[in-house]
Amino acid sequence: MALSNRRMVFRAALAAVLISTIGLSACGRKGAPQPPPSAAAVEEPVTEDAVVLPPDS
């Protein structure tokens, strides 16, 4: 492969990488991902001496 062909292929590959990174940088939400609404960040500790009340009837 001639040197000029290699340069052309390298430039085309570099342009494709740069264009794809610019295009992908605009996708999606900005910032850190958030957990779903039902997911608890910290579980409540359960103590053994907890008082369990009967349901109101």
Protein backbone atom coordinates (compact mmCIF):
# COMPACT_ATOMS: atom_id res chain seq x y z
CA MET A 1 0.00 0.00 0.00
CA ALA A 2 1.42 3.37 -0.93
CA LEU A 3 2.18 5.95 1.73
CA SER A 4 -0.48 8.34 0.43
CA ASN A 5 -3.14 5.60 0.64
CA ARG A 6 -2.15 4.84 4.24
CA ARG A 7 -2.45 8.51 5.11
CA MET A 8 -5.88 8.70 3.53
CA VAL A 9 -7.07 5.62 5.41
CA PHE A 10 -5.64 6.97 8.68
CA ARG A 11 -7.32 10.34 8.18
CA ALA A 12 -10.64 8.70 7.32
CA ALA A 13 -10.45 6.49 10.42
CA LEU A 14 -9.51 9.45 12.60
CA ALA A 15 -12.39 11.50 11.20
CA ALA A 16 -14.82 8.63 11.81
CA VAL A 17 -13.68 8.28 15.43
CA LEU A 18 -13.93 12.01 16.09
CA ILE A 19 -17.36 12.30 14.49
CA SER A 20 -18.69 9.30 16.41
CA THR A 21 -17.41 10.61 19.75
CA ILE A 22 -18.97 14.02 19.14
CA GLY A 23 -22.23 12.36 18.12
CA LEU A 24 -22.31 10.02 21.10
CA SER A 25 -21.43 12.75 23.58
CA ALA A 26 -24.83 14.36 23.02
CA CYS A 27 -26.78 11.14 23.72
CA GLY A 28 -28.53 10.29 26.95
CA ARG A 29 -28.88 12.05 30.26
CA LYS A 30 -26.21 14.21 31.75
CA GLY A 31 -24.74 13.37 35.11
CA ALA A 32 -24.62 10.21 37.16
CA PRO A 33 -27.30 7.54 36.71
CA GLN A 34 -30.11 7.61 39.26
CA PRO A 35 -31.53 4.51 40.96
CA PRO A 36 -35.11 3.49 40.21
CA PRO A 37 -37.76 5.03 42.50
CA SER A 38 -38.36 1.72 44.29
CA ALA A 39 -34.68 1.13 45.11
CA ALA A 40 -33.55 2.11 48.58
CA ALA A 41 -30.06 3.51 48.90
CA VAL A 42 -29.71 2.27 52.48
CA GLU A 43 -31.79 -0.48 54.00
CA GLU A 44 -33.41 0.20 57.35
CA PRO A 45 -31.77 -1.84 60.11
CA VAL A 46 -34.04 -4.31 61.83
CA THR A 47 -33.63 -4.58 65.58
CA GLU A 48 -34.57 -7.68 67.52
CA ASP A 49 -36.32 -5.73 70.27
CA ALA A 50 -38.68 -4.00 67.87
CA VAL A 51 -42.29 -3.89 68.98
CA VAL A 52 -44.75 -5.28 66.47
CA LEU A 53 -48.23 -3.85 66.90
CA PRO A 54 -51.30 -5.83 65.83
CA PRO A 55 -53.28 -4.31 62.96
CA ASP A 56 -56.20 -2.08 63.92
CA SER A 57 -59.47 -3.95 63.48
